[in-house]
Amino acid sequence: MLRILAFIILLFSALFMPFWVFFVLSILGMILFSFFWEAVLLFLISDLLFGVKEIRFFHSVFVSLIISVLILILLEFLKKKLKFYPK
């Protein structure tokens, strides 16, 4: 139930709040929940709605999607290495 509520809050923040609020809440969700793919899905939707081609990233529109997948994988790897995080 808490995960569904977090997804709804993230959806609201992705659509109506500044990007940095959505980014911070997504990182918190990725830390609190294991394999929080809902945040990655919302980054995809955000890129589809608001994304523009970035010259620095080889004209890719999905920059925040790629970064969010990398952050999710990194955080899940770090969660397994931390002793105080439950497995």
Protein backbone atom coordinates (compact mmCIF):
# COMPACT_ATOMS: atom_id res chain seq x y z
CA MET A 1 0.00 0.00 0.00
CA LEU A 2 2.87 2.36 0.83
CA ARG A 3 4.50 1.64 -2.52
CA ILE A 4 1.31 2.53 -4.39
CA LEU A 5 1.03 5.78 -2.44
CA ALA A 6 4.65 6.59 -3.27
CA PHE A 7 3.95 5.96 -6.96
CA ILE A 8 0.95 8.31 -6.90
CA ILE A 9 2.99 11.03 -5.18
CA LEU A 10 5.78 10.56 -7.73
CA LEU A 11 3.30 10.74 -10.60
CA PHE A 12 1.91 14.00 -9.22
CA SER A 13 5.40 15.41 -8.77
CA ALA A 14 6.45 14.37 -12.28
CA LEU A 15 3.50 16.14 -13.85
CA PHE A 16 3.04 19.24 -11.71
CA MET A 17 6.22 20.00 -9.76
CA PRO A 18 9.72 21.09 -10.82
CA PHE A 19 12.04 18.38 -12.05
CA TRP A 20 14.37 18.58 -9.07
CA VAL A 21 11.49 17.73 -6.68
CA PHE A 22 10.61 14.71 -8.80
CA PHE A 23 14.26 13.68 -8.96
CA VAL A 24 14.79 13.88 -5.19
CA LEU A 25 11.56 11.99 -4.44
CA SER A 26 12.51 9.33 -6.98
CA ILE A 27 15.91 8.81 -5.38
CA LEU A 28 14.26 8.54 -1.97
CA GLY A 29 11.82 5.97 -3.36
CA MET A 30 14.68 3.99 -4.87
CA ILE A 31 16.42 3.97 -1.49
CA LEU A 32 13.34 3.04 0.55
CA PHE A 33 11.86 0.36 -1.73
CA SER A 34 13.66 -2.53 -3.36
CA PHE A 35 13.72 -2.41 -7.16
CA PHE A 36 11.53 0.68 -7.43
CA TRP A 37 10.94 0.37 -11.20
CA GLU A 38 7.97 2.71 -10.92
CA ALA A 39 10.37 5.64 -10.72
CA VAL A 40 12.13 4.48 -13.89
CA LEU A 41 8.75 4.24 -15.63
CA LEU A 42 7.93 7.79 -14.55
CA PHE A 43 11.28 9.02 -15.83
CA LEU A 44 10.39 7.45 -19.19
CA ILE A 45 7.02 9.22 -19.18
CA SER A 46 8.73 12.46 -18.16
CA ASP A 47 11.20 12.13 -21.03
CA LEU A 48 8.41 11.41 -23.49
CA LEU A 49 6.41 14.44 -22.33
CA PHE A 50 9.10 17.01 -21.62
CA GLY A 51 12.34 15.67 -23.09
CA VAL A 52 14.33 17.43 -25.79
CA LYS A 53 17.30 16.17 -27.77
CA GLU A 54 20.59 16.80 -26.00
CA ILE A 55 23.56 17.47 -28.23
CA ARG A 56 25.94 16.55 -25.39
CA PHE A 57 24.40 13.07 -25.15
CA PHE A 58 24.41 12.11 -28.84
CA HIS A 59 20.98 13.66 -29.59
CA SER A 60 19.27 11.36 -27.10
CA VAL A 61 15.88 12.29 -25.67
CA PHE A 62 15.98 9.70 -22.89
CA VAL A 63 18.79 11.14 -20.78
CA SER A 64 16.99 11.07 -17.44
CA LEU A 65 15.71 7.55 -18.16
CA ILE A 66 19.23 6.25 -18.71
CA ILE A 67 20.53 8.04 -15.63
CA SER A 68 17.67 6.70 -13.49
CA VAL A 69 18.31 3.11 -14.59
CA LEU A 70 21.99 3.49 -13.73
CA ILE A 71 21.15 5.00 -10.34
CA LEU A 72 18.68 2.20 -9.59
CA ILE A 73 21.23 -0.49 -10.44
CA LEU A 74 23.91 1.28 -8.39
CA LEU A 75 21.64 1.71 -5.39
CA GLU A 76 20.52 -1.92 -5.45
CA PHE A 77 24.15 -3.00 -5.59
CA LEU A 78 25.00 -0.72 -2.65
CA LYS A 79 22.02 -1.96 -0.63
CA LYS A 80 23.38 -5.49 -0.79
CA LYS A 81 26.79 -4.30 0.43
CA LEU A 82 25.50 -2.27 3.40
CA LYS A 83 25.22 -4.16 6.66
CA PHE A 84 22.39 -2.09 8.18
CA TYR A 85 20.07 -2.44 5.18
CA PRO A 86 17.73 -5.48 5.44
CA LYS A 87 18.05 -8.03 2.65
